[in-house]
PDB file of N, CA and C in Angstrom:
ATOM      1  N   PHE A   1     -40.025  68.555  54.333  1.00  0.00           N
ATOM      2  CA  PHE A   1     -39.102  67.849  53.476  1.00  0.00           C
ATOM      3  C   PHE A   1     -37.698  67.934  54.065  1.00  0.00           C
ATOM      4  N   GLN A   2     -36.927  66.879  53.825  1.00  0.00           N
ATOM      5  CA  GLN A   2     -35.575  66.837  54.342  1.00  0.00           C
ATOM      6  C   GLN A   2     -34.605  66.607  53.200  1.00  0.00           C
ATOM      7  N   SER A   3     -33.353  66.848  53.483  1.00  0.00           N
ATOM      8  CA  SER A   3     -32.318  66.607  52.491  1.00  0.00           C
ATOM      9  C   SER A   3     -32.242  65.119  52.178  1.00  0.00           C
ATOM     10  N   GLU A   4     -32.143  64.770  50.920  1.00  0.00           N
ATOM     11  CA  GLU A   4     -32.116  63.367  50.497  1.00  0.00           C
ATOM     12  C   GLU A   4     -30.873  62.636  50.993  1.00  0.00           C
ATOM     13  N   SER A   5     -29.774  63.332  51.196  1.00  0.00           N
ATOM     14  CA  SER A   5     -28.547  62.667  51.624  1.00  0.00           C
ATOM     15  C   SER A   5     -28.609  62.226  53.092  1.00  0.00           C
ATOM     16  N   ARG A   6     -29.508  62.806  53.892  1.00  0.00           N
ATOM     17  CA  ARG A   6     -29.627  62.459  55.307  1.00  0.00           C
ATOM     18  C   ARG A   6     -30.537  61.275  55.550  1.00  0.00           C
ATOM     19  N   LYS A   7     -31.281  60.846  54.586  1.00  0.00           N
ATOM     20  CA  LYS A   7     -32.288  59.807  54.774  1.00  0.00           C
ATOM     21  C   LYS A   7     -31.713  58.414  54.558  1.00  0.00           C
ATOM     22  N   THR A   8     -32.223  57.473  55.367  1.00  0.00           N
ATOM     23  CA  THR A   8     -31.854  56.071  55.168  1.00  0.00           C
ATOM     24  C   THR A   8     -32.539  55.537  53.912  1.00  0.00           C
ATOM     25  N   PHE A   9     -33.817  55.815  53.793  1.00  0.00           N
ATOM     26  CA  PHE A   9     -34.604  55.431  52.622  1.00  0.00           C
ATOM     27  C   PHE A   9     -34.889  56.704  51.843  1.00  0.00           C
ATOM     28  N   ILE A  10     -34.429  56.772  50.613  1.00  0.00           N
ATOM     29  CA  ILE A  10     -34.648  57.971  49.818  1.00  0.00           C
ATOM     30  C   ILE A  10     -36.132  58.062  49.476  1.00  0.00           C
ATOM     31  N   GLY A  11     -36.764  59.101  49.924  1.00  0.00           N
ATOM     32  CA  GLY A  11     -38.175  59.305  49.645  1.00  0.00           C
ATOM     33  C   GLY A  11     -38.889  59.898  50.838  1.00  0.00           C
ATOM     34  N   GLU A  12     -40.033  60.458  50.592  1.00  0.00           N
ATOM     35  CA  GLU A  12     -40.845  61.067  51.629  1.00  0.00           C
ATOM     36  C   GLU A  12     -41.679  59.986  52.322  1.00  0.00           C
ATOM     37  N   PRO A  13     -42.245  60.287  53.499  1.00  0.00           N
ATOM     38  CA  PRO A  13     -43.015  59.271  54.224  1.00  0.00           C
ATOM     39  C   PRO A  13     -44.156  58.656  53.416  1.00  0.00           C
ATOM     40  N   TYR A  14     -44.883  59.445  52.638  1.00  0.00           N
ATOM     41  CA  TYR A  14     -45.984  58.874  51.864  1.00  0.00           C
ATOM     42  C   TYR A  14     -45.466  57.905  50.809  1.00  0.00           C
ATOM     43  N   GLU A  15     -44.263  58.140  50.294  1.00  0.00           N
ATOM     44  CA  GLU A  15     -43.686  57.207  49.324  1.00  0.00           C
ATOM     45  C   GLU A  15     -43.316  55.890  49.997  1.00  0.00           C
ATOM     46  N   ARG A  16     -42.819  55.976  51.209  1.00  0.00           N
ATOM     47  CA  ARG A  16     -42.475  54.756  51.942  1.00  0.00           C
ATOM     48  C   ARG A  16     -43.724  53.973  52.301  1.00  0.00           C
ATOM     49  N   VAL A  17     -44.793  54.677  52.692  1.00  0.00           N
ATOM     50  CA  VAL A  17     -46.055  54.000  53.009  1.00  0.00           C
ATOM     51  C   VAL A  17     -46.568  53.255  51.789  1.00  0.00           C
ATOM     52  N   MET A  18     -46.544  53.897  50.643  1.00  0.00           N
ATOM     53  CA  MET A  18     -47.046  53.245  49.430  1.00  0.00           C
ATOM     54  C   MET A  18     -46.159  52.079  49.019  1.00  0.00           C
ATOM     55  N   ALA A  19     -44.866  52.155  49.288  1.00  0.00           N
ATOM     56  CA  ALA A  19     -43.979  51.028  48.991  1.00  0.00           C
ATOM     57  C   ALA A  19     -44.372  49.823  49.838  1.00  0.00           C
ATOM     58  N   TYR A  20     -44.656  50.032  51.122  1.00  0.00           N
ATOM     59  CA  TYR A  20     -45.115  48.927  51.967  1.00  0.00           C
ATOM     60  C   TYR A  20     -46.487  48.419  51.527  1.00  0.00           C
ATOM     61  N   PHE A  21     -47.363  49.318  51.117  1.00  0.00           N
ATOM     62  CA  PHE A  21     -48.692  48.912  50.641  1.00  0.00           C
ATOM     63  C   PHE A  21     -48.571  48.002  49.412  1.00  0.00           C
ATOM     64  N   TYR A  22     -47.814  48.442  48.421  1.00  0.00           N
ATOM     65  CA  TYR A  22     -47.666  47.637  47.203  1.00  0.00           C
ATOM     66  C   TYR A  22     -46.947  46.321  47.478  1.00  0.00           C
ATOM     67  N   ARG A  23     -45.961  46.362  48.343  1.00  0.00           N
ATOM     68  CA  ARG A  23     -45.249  45.127  48.679  1.00  0.00           C
ATOM     69  C   ARG A  23     -46.183  44.155  49.399  1.00  0.00           C
ATOM     70  N   GLY A  24     -47.038  44.679  50.274  1.00  0.00           N
ATOM     71  CA  GLY A  24     -48.029  43.844  50.955  1.00  0.00           C
ATOM     72  C   GLY A  24     -49.011  43.220  49.986  1.00  0.00           C
ATOM     73  N   ILE A  25     -49.441  43.982  49.002  1.00  0.00           N
ATOM     74  CA  ILE A  25     -50.354  43.448  47.980  1.00  0.00           C
ATOM     75  C   ILE A  25     -49.668  42.327  47.199  1.00  0.00           C
ATOM     76  N   LEU A  26     -48.403  42.509  46.864  1.00  0.00           N
ATOM     77  CA  LEU A  26     -47.674  41.465  46.143  1.00  0.00           C
ATOM     78  C   LEU A  26     -47.533  40.203  46.985  1.00  0.00           C
ATOM     79  N   TYR A  27     -47.241  40.364  48.272  1.00  0.00           N
ATOM     80  CA  TYR A  27     -47.179  39.194  49.153  1.00  0.00           C
ATOM     81  C   TYR A  27     -48.538  38.495  49.217  1.00  0.00           C
ATOM     82  N   TRP A  28     -49.607  39.285  49.309  1.00  0.00           N
ATOM     83  CA  TRP A  28     -50.961  38.712  49.364  1.00  0.00           C
ATOM     84  C   TRP A  28     -51.255  37.905  48.097  1.00  0.00           C
ATOM     85  N   MET A  29     -50.875  38.456  46.959  1.00  0.00           N
ATOM     86  CA  MET A  29     -51.109  37.756  45.685  1.00  0.00           C
ATOM     87  C   MET A  29     -50.280  36.476  45.583  1.00  0.00           C
ATOM     88  N   ASP A  30     -49.124  36.443  46.248  1.00  0.00           N
ATOM     89  CA  ASP A  30     -48.275  35.253  46.247  1.00  0.00           C
ATOM     90  C   ASP A  30     -48.714  34.225  47.284  1.00  0.00           C
ATOM     91  N   GLY A  31     -49.775  34.522  48.035  1.00  0.00           N
ATOM     92  CA  GLY A  31     -50.274  33.583  49.027  1.00  0.00           C
ATOM     93  C   GLY A  31     -49.517  33.609  50.332  1.00  0.00           C
ATOM     94  N   GLU A  32     -48.935  34.750  50.671  1.00  0.00           N
ATOM     95  CA  GLU A  32     -48.193  34.903  51.921  1.00  0.00           C
ATOM     96  C   GLU A  32     -48.849  35.982  52.781  1.00  0.00           C
ATOM     97  N   PRO A  33     -49.985  35.657  53.426  1.00  0.00           N
ATOM     98  CA  PRO A  33     -50.686  36.691  54.203  1.00  0.00           C
ATOM     99  C   PRO A  33     -49.913  37.160  55.431  1.00  0.00           C
ATOM    100  N   ASP A  34     -49.013  36.335  55.973  1.00  0.00           N
ATOM    101  CA  ASP A  34     -48.238  36.776  57.136  1.00  0.00           C
ATOM    102  C   ASP A  34     -47.260  37.888  56.769  1.00  0.00           C
ATOM    103  N   ASN A  35     -46.600  37.745  55.631  1.00  0.00           N
ATOM    104  CA  ASN A  35     -45.703  38.812  55.171  1.00  0.00           C
ATOM    105  C   ASN A  35     -46.494  40.040  54.727  1.00  0.00           C
ATOM    106  N   ALA A  36     -47.666  39.820  54.130  1.00  0.00           N
ATOM    107  CA  ALA A  36     -48.515  40.940  53.727  1.00  0.00           C
ATOM    108  C   ALA A  36     -48.938  41.747  54.946  1.00  0.00           C
ATOM    109  N   ARG A  37     -49.345  41.029  56.009  1.00  0.00           N
ATOM    110  CA  ARG A  37     -49.756  41.720  57.232  1.00  0.00           C
ATOM    111  C   ARG A  37     -48.598  42.515  57.829  1.00  0.00           C
ATOM    112  N   ALA A  38     -47.410  41.951  57.792  1.00  0.00           N
ATOM    113  CA  ALA A  38     -46.237  42.665  58.304  1.00  0.00           C
ATOM    114  C   ALA A  38     -45.993  43.949  57.508  1.00  0.00           C
ATOM    115  N   CYS A  39     -46.168  43.892  56.200  1.00  0.00           N
ATOM    116  CA  CYS A  39     -45.994  45.091  55.376  1.00  0.00           C
ATOM    117  C   CYS A  39     -47.066  46.133  55.682  1.00  0.00           C
ATOM    118  N   PHE A  40     -48.311  45.691  55.838  1.00  0.00           N
ATOM    119  CA  PHE A  40     -49.385  46.634  56.149  1.00  0.00           C
ATOM    120  C   PHE A  40     -49.148  47.298  57.503  1.00  0.00           C
ATOM    121  N   ARG A  41     -48.669  46.531  58.467  1.00  0.00           N
ATOM    122  CA  ARG A  41     -48.376  47.111  59.781  1.00  0.00           C
ATOM    123  C   ARG A  41     -47.185  48.049  59.721  1.00  0.00           C
ATOM    124  N   SER A  42     -46.190  47.704  58.928  1.00  0.00           N
ATOM    125  CA  SER A  42     -45.034  48.599  58.769  1.00  0.00           C
ATOM    126  C   SER A  42     -45.457  49.897  58.108  1.00  0.00           C
ATOM    127  N   GLY A  43     -46.360  49.810  57.139  1.00  0.00           N
ATOM    128  CA  GLY A  43     -46.885  51.010  56.497  1.00  0.00           C
ATOM    129  C   GLY A  43     -47.625  51.895  57.474  1.00  0.00           C
ATOM    130  N   GLN A  44     -48.398  51.281  58.393  1.00  0.00           N
ATOM    131  CA  GLN A  44     -49.102  52.059  59.412  1.00  0.00           C
ATOM    132  C   GLN A  44     -48.108  52.752  60.338  1.00  0.00           C
ATOM    133  N   PHE A  45     -47.044  52.057  60.685  1.00  0.00           N
ATOM    134  CA  PHE A  45     -46.030  52.636  61.561  1.00  0.00           C
ATOM    135  C   PHE A  45     -45.326  53.814  60.882  1.00  0.00           C
ATOM    136  N   ILE A  46     -44.981  53.650  59.613  1.00  0.00           N
ATOM    137  CA  ILE A  46     -44.323  54.725  58.869  1.00  0.00           C
ATOM    138  C   ILE A  46     -45.258  55.925  58.727  1.00  0.00           C
ATOM    139  N   ASP A  47     -46.567  55.650  58.591  1.00  0.00           N
ATOM    140  CA  ASP A  47     -47.542  56.720  58.401  1.00  0.00           C
ATOM    141  C   ASP A  47     -47.776  57.524  59.672  1.00  0.00           C
ATOM    142  N   SER A  48     -47.496  56.955  60.827  1.00  0.00           N
ATOM    143  CA  SER A  48     -47.701  57.701  62.067  1.00  0.00           C
ATOM    144  C   SER A  48     -46.563  58.704  62.237  1.00  0.00           C
ATOM    145  N   ASP A  49     -46.917  59.955  62.291  1.00  0.00           N
ATOM    146  CA  ASP A  49     -45.941  61.037  62.412  1.00  0.00           C
ATOM    147  C   ASP A  49     -45.635  61.258  63.882  1.00  0.00           C
ATOM    148  N   LEU A  50     -44.567  60.649  64.367  1.00  0.00           N
ATOM    149  CA  LEU A  50     -44.242  60.733  65.780  1.00  0.00           C
ATOM    150  C   LEU A  50     -43.602  62.062  66.169  1.00  0.00           C
ATOM    151  N   ASP A  51     -43.011  62.751  65.210  1.00  0.00           N
ATOM    152  CA  ASP A  51     -42.326  64.006  65.521  1.00  0.00           C
ATOM    153  C   ASP A  51     -43.290  65.175  65.648  1.00  0.00           C
ATOM    154  N   ASN A  52     -44.106  65.398  64.624  1.00  0.00           N
ATOM    155  CA  ASN A  52     -44.966  66.577  64.581  1.00  0.00           C
ATOM    156  C   ASN A  52     -46.402  66.312  65.012  1.00  0.00           C
ATOM    157  N   LYS A  53     -46.789  65.052  65.142  1.00  0.00           N
ATOM    158  CA  LYS A  53     -48.161  64.675  65.502  1.00  0.00           C
ATOM    159  C   LYS A  53     -49.186  65.224  64.510  1.00  0.00           C
ATOM    160  N   GLU A  54     -48.798  65.325  63.241  1.00  0.00           N
ATOM    161  CA  GLU A  54     -49.697  65.800  62.193  1.00  0.00           C
ATOM    162  C   GLU A  54     -49.885  64.690  61.165  1.00  0.00           C
ATOM    163  N   TYR A  55     -51.065  64.603  60.629  1.00  0.00           N
ATOM    164  CA  TYR A  55     -51.372  63.704  59.523  1.00  0.00           C
ATOM    165  C   TYR A  55     -51.065  62.244  59.851  1.00  0.00           C
ATOM    166  N   SER A  56     -51.267  61.837  61.081  1.00  0.00           N
ATOM    167  CA  SER A  56     -50.964  60.456  61.422  1.00  0.00           C
ATOM    168  C   SER A  56     -52.140  59.551  61.070  1.00  0.00           C
ATOM    169  N   ALA A  57     -51.808  58.378  60.583  1.00  0.00           N
ATOM    170  CA  ALA A  57     -52.781  57.343  60.213  1.00  0.00           C
ATOM    171  C   ALA A  57     -53.766  57.834  59.149  1.00  0.00           C
ATOM    172  N   ASP A  58     -53.244  58.344  58.074  1.00  0.00           N
ATOM    173  CA  ASP A  58     -54.086  58.804  56.973  1.00  0.00           C
ATOM    174  C   ASP A  58     -54.591  57.661  56.102  1.00  0.00           C
ATOM    175  N   TYR A  59     -53.854  56.573  56.050  1.00  0.00           N
ATOM    176  CA  TYR A  59     -54.195  55.467  55.159  1.00  0.00           C
ATOM    177  C   TYR A  59     -55.007  54.425  55.926  1.00  0.00           C
ATOM    178  N   VAL A  60     -56.313  54.608  55.987  1.00  0.00           N
ATOM    179  CA  VAL A  60     -57.172  53.666  56.711  1.00  0.00           C
ATOM    180  C   VAL A  60     -57.219  52.312  56.001  1.00  0.00           C
ATOM    181  N   LEU A  61     -56.928  52.284  54.720  1.00  0.00           N
ATOM    182  CA  LEU A  61     -56.927  51.033  53.975  1.00  0.00           C
ATOM    183  C   LEU A  61     -55.923  50.043  54.545  1.00  0.00           C
ATOM    184  N   LEU A  62     -54.803  50.530  55.048  1.00  0.00           N
ATOM    185  CA  LEU A  62     -53.809  49.646  55.643  1.00  0.00           C
ATOM    186  C   LEU A  62     -54.362  48.934  56.871  1.00  0.00           C
ATOM    187  N   GLU A  63     -55.203  49.616  57.649  1.00  0.00           N
ATOM    188  CA  GLU A  63     -55.797  48.990  58.828  1.00  0.00           C
ATOM    189  C   GLU A  63     -56.780  47.897  58.428  1.00  0.00           C
ATOM    190  N   TYR A  64     -57.580  48.151  57.394  1.00  0.00           N
ATOM    191  CA  TYR A  64     -58.525  47.136  56.919  1.00  0.00           C
ATOM    192  C   TYR A  64     -57.793  45.923  56.358  1.00  0.00           C
ATOM    193  N   LEU A  65     -56.735  46.164  55.619  1.00  0.00           N
ATOM    194  CA  LEU A  65     -55.976  45.049  55.052  1.00  0.00           C
ATOM    195  C   LEU A  65     -55.251  44.269  56.143  1.00  0.00           C
ATOM    196  N   ASP A  66     -54.788  44.952  57.167  1.00  0.00           N
ATOM    197  CA  ASP A  66     -54.178  44.287  58.310  1.00  0.00           C
ATOM    198  C   ASP A  66     -55.197  43.369  58.985  1.00  0.00           C
ATOM    199  N   ALA A  67     -56.416  43.860  59.194  1.00  0.00           N
ATOM    200  CA  ALA A  67     -57.472  43.044  59.812  1.00  0.00           C
ATOM    201  C   ALA A  67     -57.851  41.868  58.923  1.00  0.00           C
ATOM    202  N   LEU A  68     -57.910  42.086  57.621  1.00  0.00           N
ATOM    203  CA  LEU A  68     -58.242  41.003  56.691  1.00  0.00           C
ATOM    204  C   LEU A  68     -57.175  39.918  56.718  1.00  0.00           C
ATOM    205  N   ALA A  69     -55.916  40.319  56.752  1.00  0.00           N
ATOM    206  CA  ALA A  69     -54.831  39.341  56.815  1.00  0.00           C
ATOM    207  C   ALA A  69     -54.844  38.607  58.151  1.00  0.00           C
ATOM    208  N   SER A  70     -55.162  39.311  59.238  1.00  0.00           N
ATOM    209  CA  SER A  70     -55.256  38.658  60.545  1.00  0.00           C
ATOM    210  C   SER A  70     -56.377  37.634  60.560  1.00  0.00           C
ATOM    211  N   ALA A  71     -57.516  37.975  59.964  1.00  0.00           N
ATOM    212  CA  ALA A  71     -58.623  37.025  59.889  1.00  0.00           C
ATOM    213  C   ALA A  71     -58.249  35.821  59.038  1.00  0.00           C
ATOM    214  N   LYS A  72     -57.522  36.052  57.973  1.00  0.00           N
ATOM    215  CA  LYS A  72     -57.082  34.952  57.101  1.00  0.00           C
ATOM    216  C   LYS A  72     -56.128  34.020  57.841  1.00  0.00           C
ATOM    217  N   LEU A  73     -55.349  34.561  58.768  1.00  0.00           N
ATOM    218  CA  LEU A  73     -54.412  33.772  59.550  1.00  0.00           C
ATOM    219  C   LEU A  73     -55.039  33.213  60.827  1.00  0.00           C
ATOM    220  N   ALA A  74     -56.368  33.260  60.912  1.00  0.00           N
ATOM    221  CA  ALA A  74     -57.123  32.760  62.063  1.00  0.00           C
ATOM    222  C   ALA A  74     -56.781  33.518  63.341  1.00  0.00           C
ATOM    223  N   GLY A  75     -56.483  34.793  63.186  1.00  0.00           N
ATOM    224  CA  GLY A  75     -56.212  35.649  64.333  1.00  0.00           C
ATOM    225  C   GLY A  75     -57.437  36.475  64.672  1.00  0.00           C
ATOM    226  N   ASP A  76     -57.289  37.391  65.605  1.00  0.00           N
ATOM    227  CA  ASP A  76     -58.372  38.270  66.004  1.00  0.00           C
ATOM    228  C   ASP A  76     -58.262  39.585  65.254  1.00  0.00           C
ATOM    229  N   PRO A  77     -59.113  39.815  64.257  1.00  0.00           N
ATOM    230  CA  PRO A  77     -59.000  41.051  63.466  1.00  0.00           C
ATOM    231  C   PRO A  77     -59.596  42.273  64.155  1.00  0.00           C
ATOM    232  N   SER A  78     -60.223  42.093  65.313  1.00  0.00           N
ATOM    233  CA  SER A  78     -60.915  43.222  65.951  1.00  0.00           C
ATOM    234  C   SER A  78     -59.962  44.274  66.518  1.00  0.00           C
ATOM    235  N   ASP A  79     -58.728  43.866  66.842  1.00  0.00           N
ATOM    236  CA  ASP A  79     -57.811  44.862  67.389  1.00  0.00           C
ATOM    237  C   ASP A  79     -57.196  45.665  66.265  1.00  0.00           C
TER     238      ASP A  79
END
């Protein structure tokens, strides 16, 4: 945990991941799969712990939703 005054976004990493997840779901419901995919990918990036190399990529649901949005956009969901 870090001091709240030092953070750009007030909240812990898991809170930021869930904010991107919920925002992606809202974009998906509004019929904007490109913005939803961007949110899911941003959530995956936030979830990767680059400093300590611990607990990275815990939210596998974000990867599935990213692939689903890519398939919806006629992209290649296999990557």
